[in-house]
Amino acid sequence: MGIAVQLTTILVACSFIAGCALNEAAPSQPMAAQQIASEGANKLRDKSQASAASGVKASAASVVSEAKVCKDSDYVFSQKDIDALILNAFNEARGESNAGILAVLGVTMARVGSACYPDTVHGVVYQRKQFSWTWQRGTPRTLSAAKAIEPKTYAKVKTLVENYIAQGAKPNGSLLYHAKSVSPSWSRSASIERTKVMGSHIFYDHRRC
């Protein structure tokens, strides 16, 4: 009887221990499932945030690109550019009508936008061997000199230039011109196309520019 009681006690104890072990182990599975679900939610949230951030970056890049295009389409004049534009118009076309002066201004700006010429007004005007007054003697090369020679004409040209800039400084369809009194060899090139005659000047376009 003593042995039977001991065996019974042992069996009961083992059952109790096994039950406790099962009860302690059972919650671990739901906890693992909750953890996986939580991690999945976190990953999904992180992915969404990353996607949103990527979208924001893409939008920002798009805005920057658009801003760059807008900037590149509008030329910003420095004071050197304005002075050069006035001097060039004065020396090249001061005897022309307003339309003739504006035509010369349009050529200057067309060159600024062309890959064949410098990308600034000052650079275009003072490009080597392009406008004769920049190297020939006896021509006014400063605003004060131009004003001293013909003050009224200088004032007229200056006003035309300022208005031209204020209205957008649009280029025309010509990159080249020369006086009717001369016939430069370049004007007979196959790549040169005559566009118009205005006043004492003949204007041309360059097919390769």
N, C-alpha and C. Protein backbone atom coordinates (compact mmCIF):
# COMPACT_ATOMS: atom_id res chain seq x y z
N MET A 1 0.84 -1.20 0.00
CA MET A 1 0.00 0.00 0.00
C MET A 1 0.87 1.25 0.00
N GLY A 2 1.94 1.21 0.74
CA GLY A 2 2.83 2.36 0.80
C GLY A 2 3.43 2.69 -0.55
N ILE A 3 3.78 1.59 -1.28
CA ILE A 3 4.37 1.81 -2.60
C ILE A 3 3.34 2.38 -3.55
N ALA A 4 2.11 1.90 -3.49
CA ALA A 4 1.03 2.38 -4.38
C ALA A 4 0.76 3.84 -4.14
N VAL A 5 0.76 4.23 -2.84
CA VAL A 5 0.50 5.64 -2.50
C VAL A 5 1.61 6.51 -3.06
N GLN A 6 2.83 6.03 -2.95
CA GLN A 6 3.97 6.81 -3.45
C GLN A 6 3.89 6.98 -4.95
N LEU A 7 3.52 5.86 -5.67
CA LEU A 7 3.39 5.93 -7.13
C LEU A 7 2.31 6.90 -7.53
N THR A 8 1.20 6.84 -6.81
CA THR A 8 0.08 7.75 -7.10
C THR A 8 0.51 9.19 -6.90
N THR A 9 1.23 9.42 -5.79
CA THR A 9 1.71 10.79 -5.50
C THR A 9 2.64 11.29 -6.59
N ILE A 10 3.52 10.40 -7.07
CA ILE A 10 4.47 10.77 -8.12
C ILE A 10 3.75 11.12 -9.42
N LEU A 11 2.73 10.28 -9.76
CA LEU A 11 1.96 10.51 -10.99
C LEU A 11 1.22 11.84 -10.93
N VAL A 12 0.63 12.11 -9.80
CA VAL A 12 -0.11 13.37 -9.63
C VAL A 12 0.85 14.54 -9.76
N ALA A 13 2.02 14.41 -9.15
CA ALA A 13 3.02 15.49 -9.19
C ALA A 13 3.48 15.72 -10.62
N CYS A 14 3.72 14.60 -11.36
CA CYS A 14 4.16 14.74 -12.76
C CYS A 14 3.10 15.41 -13.60
N SER A 15 1.82 15.03 -13.38
CA SER A 15 0.72 15.65 -14.14
C SER A 15 0.65 17.14 -13.85
N PHE A 16 0.83 17.48 -12.59
CA PHE A 16 0.77 18.90 -12.19
C PHE A 16 1.88 19.72 -12.84
N ILE A 17 3.11 19.10 -12.83
CA ILE A 17 4.26 19.77 -13.43
C ILE A 17 4.07 19.95 -14.92
N ALA A 18 3.57 18.88 -15.61
CA ALA A 18 3.34 18.94 -17.05
C ALA A 18 2.31 20.00 -17.38
N GLY A 19 1.24 20.05 -16.54
CA GLY A 19 0.20 21.06 -16.77
C GLY A 19 0.75 22.44 -16.62
N CYS A 20 1.58 22.69 -15.65
CA CYS A 20 2.19 24.00 -15.44
C CYS A 20 3.08 24.37 -16.62
N ALA A 21 3.83 23.34 -17.12
CA ALA A 21 4.73 23.59 -18.23
C ALA A 21 3.93 24.00 -19.46
N LEU A 22 2.82 23.31 -19.69
CA LEU A 22 1.98 23.62 -20.84
C LEU A 22 1.37 25.01 -20.70
N ASN A 23 0.89 25.29 -19.47
CA ASN A 23 0.28 26.60 -19.24
C ASN A 23 1.29 27.73 -19.42
N GLU A 24 2.56 27.48 -19.04
CA GLU A 24 3.57 28.51 -19.18
C GLU A 24 4.02 28.66 -20.64
N ALA A 25 3.98 27.53 -21.38
CA ALA A 25 4.44 27.56 -22.76
C ALA A 25 3.38 28.14 -23.68
N ALA A 26 2.10 27.96 -23.37
CA ALA A 26 1.01 28.36 -24.24
C ALA A 26 1.04 29.83 -24.61
N PRO A 27 1.24 30.74 -23.65
CA PRO A 27 1.23 32.15 -24.01
C PRO A 27 2.36 32.53 -24.95
N SER A 28 3.45 31.75 -25.04
CA SER A 28 4.59 32.14 -25.87
C SER A 28 4.22 32.18 -27.34
N GLN A 29 3.30 31.31 -27.79
CA GLN A 29 2.92 31.31 -29.20
C GLN A 29 2.13 32.56 -29.59
N PRO A 30 1.06 32.92 -28.83
CA PRO A 30 0.36 34.15 -29.15
C PRO A 30 1.30 35.37 -29.09
N MET A 31 2.23 35.40 -28.17
CA MET A 31 3.16 36.50 -28.07
C MET A 31 4.04 36.57 -29.33
N ALA A 32 4.46 35.39 -29.82
CA ALA A 32 5.28 35.36 -31.02
C ALA A 32 4.47 35.88 -32.21
N ALA A 33 3.21 35.49 -32.30
CA ALA A 33 2.35 35.93 -33.39
C ALA A 33 2.15 37.44 -33.33
N GLN A 34 1.93 37.95 -32.13
CA GLN A 34 1.77 39.39 -31.96
C GLN A 34 3.04 40.14 -32.37
N GLN A 35 4.18 39.54 -32.01
CA GLN A 35 5.45 40.18 -32.35
C GLN A 35 5.66 40.22 -33.85
N ILE A 36 5.32 39.10 -34.53
CA ILE A 36 5.46 39.04 -35.98
C ILE A 36 4.53 40.06 -36.64
N ALA A 37 3.30 40.10 -36.14
CA ALA A 37 2.33 41.05 -36.70
C ALA A 37 2.81 42.48 -36.49
N SER A 38 3.36 42.71 -35.28
CA SER A 38 3.85 44.05 -34.97
C SER A 38 5.02 44.43 -35.86
N GLU A 39 5.97 43.46 -36.03
CA GLU A 39 7.12 43.71 -36.89
C GLU A 39 6.68 43.93 -38.33
N GLY A 40 5.67 43.13 -38.77
CA GLY A 40 5.16 43.30 -40.13
C GLY A 40 4.55 44.68 -40.31
N ALA A 41 3.79 45.11 -39.30
CA ALA A 41 3.17 46.43 -39.37
C ALA A 41 4.23 47.52 -39.40
N ASN A 42 5.27 47.31 -38.57
CA ASN A 42 6.36 48.29 -38.55
C ASN A 42 7.06 48.38 -39.91
N LYS A 43 7.31 47.19 -40.49
CA LYS A 43 7.97 47.18 -41.80
C LYS A 43 7.11 47.84 -42.87
N LEU A 44 5.79 47.55 -42.80
CA LEU A 44 4.87 48.14 -43.76
C LEU A 44 4.83 49.65 -43.61
N ARG A 45 4.81 50.10 -42.33
CA ARG A 45 4.81 51.53 -42.06
C ARG A 45 6.11 52.18 -42.54
N ASP A 46 7.23 51.48 -42.24
CA ASP A 46 8.54 52.00 -42.69
C ASP A 46 8.61 52.08 -44.21
N LYS A 47 8.06 51.06 -44.87
CA LYS A 47 8.07 51.04 -46.33
C LYS A 47 7.22 52.17 -46.90
N SER A 48 6.06 52.38 -46.24
CA SER A 48 5.18 53.46 -46.69
C SER A 48 5.85 54.81 -46.51
N GLN A 49 6.50 54.95 -45.34
CA GLN A 49 7.20 56.21 -45.08
C GLN A 49 8.33 56.42 -46.07
N ALA A 50 9.06 55.32 -46.37
CA ALA A 50 10.16 55.41 -47.33
C ALA A 50 9.63 55.78 -48.70
N SER A 51 8.48 55.16 -49.06
CA SER A 51 7.88 55.45 -50.36
C SER A 51 7.44 56.90 -50.43
N ALA A 52 6.83 57.36 -49.33
CA ALA A 52 6.38 58.75 -49.28
C ALA A 52 7.57 59.69 -49.37
N ALA A 53 8.64 59.35 -48.64
CA ALA A 53 9.84 60.19 -48.67
C ALA A 53 10.43 60.22 -50.07
N SER A 54 10.41 59.03 -50.72
CA SER A 54 10.92 58.97 -52.08
C SER A 54 10.10 59.84 -53.01
N GLY A 55 8.76 59.81 -52.77
CA GLY A 55 7.88 60.64 -53.58
C GLY A 55 8.15 62.11 -53.37
N VAL A 56 8.41 62.49 -52.11
CA VAL A 56 8.73 63.88 -51.81
C VAL A 56 10.02 64.29 -52.49
N LYS A 57 11.03 63.40 -52.43
CA LYS A 57 12.31 63.70 -53.08
C LYS A 57 12.13 63.85 -54.58
N ALA A 58 11.31 62.95 -55.17
CA ALA A 58 11.08 63.02 -56.61
C ALA A 58 10.38 64.32 -56.97
N SER A 59 9.38 64.69 -56.14
CA SER A 59 8.67 65.93 -56.41
C SER A 59 9.61 67.12 -56.29
N ALA A 60 10.46 67.09 -55.26
CA ALA A 60 11.41 68.19 -55.06
C ALA A 60 12.37 68.27 -56.23
N ALA A 61 12.83 67.10 -56.70
CA ALA A 61 13.75 67.09 -57.85
C ALA A 61 13.06 67.66 -59.07
N SER A 62 11.76 67.31 -59.22
CA SER A 62 11.02 67.84 -60.36
C SER A 62 10.90 69.34 -60.30
N VAL A 63 10.64 69.86 -59.10
CA VAL A 63 10.52 71.31 -58.93
C VAL A 63 11.84 71.99 -59.24
N VAL A 64 12.93 71.40 -58.73
CA VAL A 64 14.25 71.97 -58.98
C VAL A 64 14.54 72.00 -60.47
N SER A 65 14.19 70.88 -61.17
CA SER A 65 14.43 70.81 -62.60
C SER A 65 13.63 71.88 -63.34
N GLU A 66 12.35 72.03 -62.94
CA GLU A 66 11.51 73.03 -63.58
C GLU A 66 12.05 74.43 -63.31
N ALA A 67 12.52 74.65 -62.09
CA ALA A 67 13.06 75.97 -61.74
C ALA A 67 14.28 76.27 -62.58
N LYS A 68 15.08 75.22 -62.82
CA LYS A 68 16.28 75.42 -63.62
C LYS A 68 15.91 75.81 -65.05
N VAL A 69 14.92 75.12 -65.61
CA VAL A 69 14.49 75.44 -66.97
C VAL A 69 13.99 76.86 -67.04
N CYS A 70 13.17 77.25 -66.04
CA CYS A 70 12.64 78.62 -66.02
C CYS A 70 13.78 79.63 -65.93
N LYS A 71 14.78 79.29 -65.07
CA LYS A 71 15.88 80.24 -64.91
C LYS A 71 16.66 80.39 -66.21
N ASP A 72 16.95 79.22 -66.83
CA ASP A 72 17.74 79.26 -68.04
C ASP A 72 17.04 80.03 -69.17
N SER A 73 15.67 80.17 -69.17
CA SER A 73 14.94 80.83 -70.24
C SER A 73 14.93 82.35 -70.07
N ASP A 74 15.34 82.86 -68.91
CA ASP A 74 15.34 84.30 -68.65
C ASP A 74 16.77 84.76 -68.35
N TYR A 75 17.29 85.59 -69.22
CA TYR A 75 18.65 86.08 -69.04
C TYR A 75 18.66 87.20 -68.00
N VAL A 76 19.61 87.13 -67.08
CA VAL A 76 19.76 88.16 -66.05
C VAL A 76 20.92 89.07 -66.44
N PHE A 77 20.62 90.34 -66.67
CA PHE A 77 21.62 91.30 -67.13
C PHE A 77 22.44 91.85 -65.97
N SER A 78 23.74 91.83 -66.14
CA SER A 78 24.62 92.53 -65.22
C SER A 78 24.78 93.96 -65.73
N GLN A 79 25.36 94.84 -64.92
CA GLN A 79 25.58 96.20 -65.39
C GLN A 79 26.56 96.22 -66.55
N LYS A 80 27.52 95.32 -66.54
CA LYS A 80 28.47 95.21 -67.66
C LYS A 80 27.75 94.84 -68.94
N ASP A 81 26.76 93.96 -68.83
CA ASP A 81 25.97 93.57 -70.00
C ASP A 81 25.20 94.76 -70.56
N ILE A 82 24.57 95.50 -69.68
CA ILE A 82 23.77 96.65 -70.11
C ILE A 82 24.65 97.69 -70.79
N ASP A 83 25.78 97.98 -70.19
CA ASP A 83 26.71 98.96 -70.78
C ASP A 83 27.19 98.49 -72.15
N ALA A 84 27.51 97.21 -72.26
CA ALA A 84 27.98 96.65 -73.53
C ALA A 84 26.89 96.72 -74.59
N LEU A 85 25.66 96.45 -74.19
CA LEU A 85 24.54 96.48 -75.13
C LEU A 85 24.31 97.90 -75.65
N ILE A 86 24.38 98.88 -74.76
CA ILE A 86 24.22 100.28 -75.15
C ILE A 86 25.33 100.71 -76.10
N LEU A 87 26.56 100.40 -75.74
CA LEU A 87 27.69 100.78 -76.58
C LEU A 87 27.64 100.11 -77.95
N ASN A 88 27.26 98.85 -77.98
CA ASN A 88 27.19 98.13 -79.25
C ASN A 88 26.11 98.73 -80.15
N ALA A 89 24.95 99.00 -79.58
CA ALA A 89 23.86 99.59 -80.36
C ALA A 89 24.24 100.99 -80.84
N PHE A 90 24.91 101.75 -79.99
CA PHE A 90 25.32 103.11 -80.35
C PHE A 90 26.32 103.08 -81.51
N ASN A 91 27.32 102.25 -81.40
CA ASN A 91 28.38 102.21 -82.42
C ASN A 91 27.95 101.51 -83.69
N GLU A 92 27.10 100.52 -83.59
CA GLU A 92 26.72 99.73 -84.75
C GLU A 92 25.50 100.29 -85.49
N ALA A 93 24.61 100.99 -84.77
CA ALA A 93 23.33 101.33 -85.42
C ALA A 93 22.75 102.67 -85.01
N ARG A 94 23.56 103.58 -84.52
CA ARG A 94 22.98 104.84 -84.05
C ARG A 94 22.36 105.69 -85.17
N GLY A 95 22.74 105.43 -86.41
CA GLY A 95 22.15 106.17 -87.52
C GLY A 95 20.89 105.51 -88.07
N GLU A 96 20.50 104.37 -87.48
CA GLU A 96 19.32 103.63 -87.95
C GLU A 96 18.05 104.11 -87.26
N SER A 97 16.91 103.66 -87.80
CA SER A 97 15.62 103.91 -87.15
C SER A 97 15.55 103.11 -85.86
N ASN A 98 14.51 103.34 -85.08
CA ASN A 98 14.34 102.55 -83.86
C ASN A 98 14.30 101.06 -84.18
N ALA A 99 13.58 100.71 -85.25
CA ALA A 99 13.48 99.30 -85.65
C ALA A 99 14.85 98.75 -86.04
N GLY A 100 15.66 99.56 -86.69
CA GLY A 100 16.99 99.12 -87.08
C GLY A 100 17.89 98.89 -85.88
N ILE A 101 17.77 99.76 -84.88
CA ILE A 101 18.56 99.58 -83.65
C ILE A 101 18.10 98.33 -82.91
N LEU A 102 16.79 98.13 -82.85
CA LEU A 102 16.26 96.94 -82.18
C LEU A 102 16.67 95.66 -82.90
N ALA A 103 16.82 95.73 -84.22
CA ALA A 103 17.26 94.56 -84.98
C ALA A 103 18.68 94.16 -84.59
N VAL A 104 19.53 95.15 -84.39
CA VAL A 104 20.90 94.87 -83.95
C VAL A 104 20.90 94.32 -82.53
N LEU A 105 20.07 94.86 -81.68
CA LEU A 105 19.94 94.33 -80.31
C LEU A 105 19.48 92.88 -80.34
N GLY A 106 18.56 92.59 -81.25
CA GLY A 106 18.04 91.22 -81.37
C GLY A 106 19.11 90.24 -81.81
N VAL A 107 20.03 90.68 -82.65
CA VAL A 107 21.15 89.83 -83.07
C VAL A 107 22.05 89.52 -81.87
N THR A 108 22.31 90.53 -81.07
CA THR A 108 23.16 90.32 -79.88
C THR A 108 22.56 89.26 -78.97
N MET A 109 21.26 89.36 -78.71
CA MET A 109 20.62 88.39 -77.82
C MET A 109 20.49 87.02 -78.48
N ALA A 110 20.33 86.98 -79.79
CA ALA A 110 20.29 85.69 -80.49
C ALA A 110 21.62 84.97 -80.34
N ARG A 111 22.70 85.73 -80.36
CA ARG A 111 24.02 85.12 -80.17
C ARG A 111 24.20 84.60 -78.75
N VAL A 112 23.66 85.31 -77.78
CA VAL A 112 23.75 84.85 -76.39
C VAL A 112 23.09 83.47 -76.26
N GLY A 113 22.00 83.27 -76.98
CA GLY A 113 21.29 81.99 -76.89
C GLY A 113 21.81 80.91 -77.82
N SER A 114 22.82 81.24 -78.65
CA SER A 114 23.36 80.27 -79.59
C SER A 114 24.58 79.55 -79.03
N ALA A 115 24.72 78.29 -79.39
CA ALA A 115 25.87 77.50 -78.94
C ALA A 115 27.17 77.94 -79.62
N CYS A 116 27.05 78.73 -80.69
CA CYS A 116 28.23 79.16 -81.44
C CYS A 116 28.90 80.41 -80.88
N TYR A 117 28.28 81.02 -79.89
CA TYR A 117 28.78 82.29 -79.35
C TYR A 117 28.83 82.24 -77.82
N PRO A 118 29.50 83.21 -77.20
CA PRO A 118 29.52 83.27 -75.73
C PRO A 118 28.10 83.37 -75.16
N ASP A 119 27.95 82.98 -73.89
CA ASP A 119 26.61 82.96 -73.31
C ASP A 119 26.27 84.18 -72.45
N THR A 120 27.05 85.25 -72.58
CA THR A 120 26.72 86.50 -71.91
C THR A 120 26.74 87.63 -72.94
N VAL A 121 25.99 88.69 -72.66
CA VAL A 121 25.96 89.84 -73.56
C VAL A 121 27.34 90.45 -73.68
N HIS A 122 27.99 90.63 -72.55
CA HIS A 122 29.33 91.22 -72.54
C HIS A 122 30.29 90.36 -73.36
N GLY A 123 30.20 89.04 -73.20
CA GLY A 123 31.05 88.13 -73.94
C GLY A 123 30.80 88.18 -75.44
N VAL A 124 29.53 88.30 -75.83
CA VAL A 124 29.17 88.38 -77.25
C VAL A 124 29.70 89.67 -77.86
N VAL A 125 29.46 90.79 -77.18
CA VAL A 125 29.87 92.08 -77.73
C VAL A 125 31.38 92.17 -77.89
N TYR A 126 32.11 91.66 -76.91
CA TYR A 126 33.57 91.80 -76.93
C TYR A 126 34.28 90.55 -77.44
N GLN A 127 33.53 89.65 -78.06
CA GLN A 127 34.19 88.50 -78.68
C GLN A 127 35.14 89.00 -79.77
N ARG A 128 36.29 88.41 -79.84
CA ARG A 128 37.34 88.89 -80.75
C ARG A 128 36.88 88.94 -82.22
N LYS A 129 37.12 90.11 -82.83
CA LYS A 129 36.88 90.32 -84.26
C LYS A 129 35.42 90.12 -84.68
N GLN A 130 34.49 90.49 -83.81
CA GLN A 130 33.07 90.38 -84.15
C GLN A 130 32.46 91.75 -84.48
N PHE A 131 32.69 92.72 -83.62
CA PHE A 131 32.17 94.07 -83.86
C PHE A 131 33.37 95.02 -83.97
N SER A 132 33.47 95.64 -85.13
CA SER A 132 34.69 96.40 -85.46
C SER A 132 35.01 97.54 -84.50
N TRP A 133 34.00 98.15 -83.92
CA TRP A 133 34.26 99.29 -83.04
C TRP A 133 35.05 98.89 -81.79
N THR A 134 35.03 97.61 -81.43
CA THR A 134 35.72 97.18 -80.21
C THR A 134 37.24 97.19 -80.37
N TRP A 135 37.72 97.24 -81.64
CA TRP A 135 39.18 97.29 -81.83
C TRP A 135 39.65 98.43 -82.73
N GLN A 136 38.74 99.04 -83.49
CA GLN A 136 39.16 100.13 -84.37
C GLN A 136 39.34 101.44 -83.61
N ARG A 137 40.28 102.22 -84.05
CA ARG A 137 40.53 103.50 -83.41
C ARG A 137 39.46 104.52 -83.81
N GLY A 138 39.26 105.49 -82.93
CA GLY A 138 38.33 106.57 -83.23
C GLY A 138 36.90 106.27 -82.87
N THR A 139 36.62 105.12 -82.31
CA THR A 139 35.26 104.79 -81.90
C THR A 139 35.12 104.94 -80.39
N PRO A 140 33.96 105.45 -79.93
CA PRO A 140 33.76 105.59 -78.48
C PRO A 140 33.62 104.23 -77.81
N ARG A 141 34.47 103.98 -76.85
CA ARG A 141 34.46 102.67 -76.19
C ARG A 141 33.99 102.73 -74.75
N THR A 142 33.52 103.89 -74.32
CA THR A 142 32.94 104.04 -72.99
C THR A 142 31.63 104.80 -73.14
N LEU A 143 30.77 104.66 -72.16
CA LEU A 143 29.49 105.36 -72.21
C LEU A 143 29.69 106.87 -72.18
N SER A 144 30.64 107.31 -71.38
CA SER A 144 30.89 108.76 -71.29
C SER A 144 31.40 109.30 -72.62
N ALA A 145 32.22 108.54 -73.34
CA ALA A 145 32.72 108.97 -74.64
C ALA A 145 31.59 109.03 -75.66
N ALA A 146 30.71 108.04 -75.64
CA ALA A 146 29.56 108.03 -76.55
C ALA A 146 28.64 109.21 -76.27
N LYS A 147 28.40 109.46 -75.01
CA LYS A 147 27.53 110.58 -74.61
C LYS A 147 28.14 111.91 -75.02
N ALA A 148 29.46 112.04 -74.95
CA ALA A 148 30.14 113.28 -75.30
C ALA A 148 30.06 113.56 -76.79
N ILE A 149 30.09 112.50 -77.60
CA ILE A 149 30.07 112.66 -79.06
C ILE A 149 28.69 113.09 -79.56
N GLU A 150 27.67 112.36 -79.17
CA GLU A 150 26.30 112.65 -79.62
C GLU A 150 25.35 112.44 -78.45
N PRO A 151 25.20 113.43 -77.58
CA PRO A 151 24.40 113.27 -76.37
C PRO A 151 22.94 112.89 -76.62
N LYS A 152 22.31 113.51 -77.63
CA LYS A 152 20.90 113.20 -77.89
C LYS A 152 20.73 111.78 -78.43
N THR A 153 21.61 111.42 -79.35
CA THR A 153 21.55 110.06 -79.91
C THR A 153 21.85 109.03 -78.83
N TYR A 154 22.82 109.34 -77.98
CA TYR A 154 23.16 108.43 -76.89
C TYR A 154 21.96 108.23 -75.97
N ALA A 155 21.26 109.32 -75.65
CA ALA A 155 20.09 109.23 -74.78
C ALA A 155 19.00 108.37 -75.44
N LYS A 156 18.83 108.54 -76.75
CA LYS A 156 17.83 107.76 -77.49
C LYS A 156 18.17 106.27 -77.45
N VAL A 157 19.43 105.94 -77.74
CA VAL A 157 19.86 104.54 -77.75
C VAL A 157 19.74 103.93 -76.36
N LYS A 158 20.15 104.67 -75.36
CA LYS A 158 20.08 104.18 -73.98
C LYS A 158 18.63 103.85 -73.59
N THR A 159 17.71 104.73 -73.96
CA THR A 159 16.30 104.50 -73.65
C THR A 159 15.77 103.28 -74.39
N LEU A 160 16.14 103.15 -75.65
CA LEU A 160 15.72 101.98 -76.43
C LEU A 160 16.22 100.68 -75.80
N VAL A 161 17.47 100.69 -75.39
CA VAL A 161 18.05 99.49 -74.77
C VAL A 161 17.35 99.16 -73.47
N GLU A 162 17.12 100.16 -72.64
CA GLU A 162 16.45 99.93 -71.35
C GLU A 162 15.03 99.39 -71.56
N ASN A 163 14.31 99.94 -72.54
CA ASN A 163 12.97 99.44 -72.83
C ASN A 163 13.00 98.03 -73.40
N TYR A 164 13.99 97.78 -74.23
CA TYR A 164 14.16 96.46 -74.83
C TYR A 164 14.38 95.41 -73.75
N ILE A 165 15.21 95.73 -72.79
CA ILE A 165 15.47 94.80 -71.67
C ILE A 165 14.21 94.63 -70.83
N ALA A 166 13.52 95.73 -70.55
CA ALA A 166 12.32 95.68 -69.72
C ALA A 166 11.22 94.84 -70.37
N GLN A 167 11.22 94.77 -71.70
CA GLN A 167 10.19 94.02 -72.41
C GLN A 167 10.60 92.58 -72.71
N GLY A 168 11.72 92.14 -72.14
CA GLY A 168 12.11 90.74 -72.27
C GLY A 168 13.34 90.47 -73.10
N ALA A 169 13.87 91.50 -73.78
CA ALA A 169 15.09 91.34 -74.58
C ALA A 169 15.03 90.13 -75.49
N LYS A 170 13.97 90.04 -76.27
CA LYS A 170 13.78 88.88 -77.15
C LYS A 170 14.77 88.90 -78.31
N PRO A 171 15.36 87.75 -78.63
CA PRO A 171 16.26 87.67 -79.79
C PRO A 171 15.45 87.64 -81.08
N ASN A 172 16.09 87.92 -82.20
CA ASN A 172 15.40 87.77 -83.48
C ASN A 172 15.96 86.55 -84.20
N GLY A 173 15.55 86.36 -85.44
CA GLY A 173 15.97 85.16 -86.16
C GLY A 173 17.28 85.32 -86.91
N SER A 174 18.09 86.30 -86.54
CA SER A 174 19.35 86.54 -87.24
C SER A 174 20.52 86.49 -86.27
N LEU A 175 21.61 85.90 -86.72
CA LEU A 175 22.84 85.84 -85.92
C LEU A 175 23.94 86.74 -86.48
N LEU A 176 23.76 87.17 -87.73
CA LEU A 176 24.81 87.93 -88.41
C LEU A 176 24.21 89.10 -89.18
N TYR A 177 25.02 90.10 -89.43
CA TYR A 177 24.61 91.19 -90.30
C TYR A 177 25.86 91.94 -90.75
N HIS A 178 25.68 92.69 -91.79
CA HIS A 178 26.76 93.58 -92.22
C HIS A 178 26.14 94.78 -92.94
N ALA A 179 26.92 95.82 -93.10
CA ALA A 179 26.43 97.01 -93.80
C ALA A 179 26.32 96.70 -95.30
N LYS A 180 25.39 97.38 -95.94
CA LYS A 180 25.20 97.19 -97.38
C LYS A 180 26.45 97.57 -98.17
N SER A 181 27.25 98.42 -97.60
CA SER A 181 28.43 98.92 -98.31
C SER A 181 29.57 97.92 -98.41
N VAL A 182 29.45 96.79 -97.71
CA VAL A 182 30.50 95.78 -97.76
C VAL A 182 29.91 94.43 -98.17
N SER A 183 30.78 93.51 -98.57
CA SER A 183 30.33 92.16 -98.95
C SER A 183 31.32 91.14 -98.42
N PRO A 184 31.21 90.81 -97.14
CA PRO A 184 32.16 89.87 -96.53
C PRO A 184 32.05 88.47 -97.13
N SER A 185 33.14 87.75 -97.13
CA SER A 185 33.17 86.41 -97.73
C SER A 185 32.24 85.44 -97.02
N TRP A 186 32.09 85.60 -95.70
CA TRP A 186 31.24 84.67 -94.96
C TRP A 186 29.78 84.72 -95.40
N SER A 187 29.35 85.86 -95.95
CA SER A 187 27.95 85.99 -96.36
C SER A 187 27.61 85.11 -97.56
N ARG A 188 28.65 84.59 -98.25
CA ARG A 188 28.43 83.73 -99.42
C ARG A 188 28.58 82.25 -99.09
N SER A 189 28.74 81.95 -97.82
CA SER A 189 28.87 80.55 -97.40
C SER A 189 27.53 79.82 -97.55
N ALA A 190 27.59 78.52 -97.85
CA ALA A 190 26.38 77.71 -98.03
C ALA A 190 25.57 77.59 -96.74
N SER A 191 26.23 77.76 -95.60
CA SER A 191 25.53 77.64 -94.32
C SER A 191 24.86 78.95 -93.87
N ILE A 192 25.05 80.01 -94.64
CA ILE A 192 24.50 81.32 -94.29
C ILE A 192 23.23 81.59 -95.11
N GLU A 193 22.19 81.99 -94.42
CA GLU A 193 20.91 82.27 -95.07
C GLU A 193 20.49 83.72 -94.83
N ARG A 194 20.24 84.45 -95.88
CA ARG A 194 19.82 85.84 -95.76
C ARG A 194 18.39 85.89 -95.22
N THR A 195 18.17 86.71 -94.22
CA THR A 195 16.85 86.78 -93.58
C THR A 195 16.08 88.06 -93.88
N LYS A 196 16.77 89.21 -93.87
CA LYS A 196 16.06 90.47 -94.12
C LYS A 196 17.04 91.60 -94.36
N VAL A 197 16.50 92.68 -94.88
CA VAL A 197 17.26 93.92 -95.05
C VAL A 197 16.52 95.00 -94.28
N MET A 198 17.26 95.72 -93.45
CA MET A 198 16.65 96.79 -92.67
C MET A 198 17.62 97.96 -92.59
N GLY A 199 17.19 99.10 -93.08
CA GLY A 199 18.05 100.27 -93.08
C GLY A 199 19.29 100.01 -93.91
N SER A 200 20.43 100.26 -93.33
CA SER A 200 21.70 100.07 -94.05
C SER A 200 22.34 98.72 -93.79
N HIS A 201 21.59 97.79 -93.17
CA HIS A 201 22.15 96.48 -92.82
C HIS A 201 21.42 95.34 -93.51
N ILE A 202 22.17 94.28 -93.81
CA ILE A 202 21.60 93.03 -94.31
C ILE A 202 21.81 91.97 -93.23
N PHE A 203 20.75 91.25 -92.90
CA PHE A 203 20.80 90.29 -91.79
C PHE A 203 20.77 88.85 -92.31
N TYR A 204 21.43 87.97 -91.55
CA TYR A 204 21.56 86.56 -91.95
C TYR A 204 21.36 85.63 -90.74
N ASP A 205 21.01 84.39 -91.08
CA ASP A 205 20.99 83.33 -90.07
C ASP A 205 22.07 82.33 -90.44
N HIS A 206 22.53 81.58 -89.44
CA HIS A 206 23.57 80.57 -89.64
C HIS A 206 22.93 79.20 -89.41
N ARG A 207 22.83 78.39 -90.44
CA ARG A 207 22.12 77.11 -90.36
C ARG A 207 22.78 76.13 -89.38
N ARG A 208 24.03 76.29 -89.11
CA ARG A 208 24.73 75.35 -88.23
C ARG A 208 24.74 75.82 -86.77
N CYS A 209 24.13 76.94 -86.53
CA CYS A 209 24.08 77.45 -85.15
C CYS A 209 22.64 77.55 -84.68
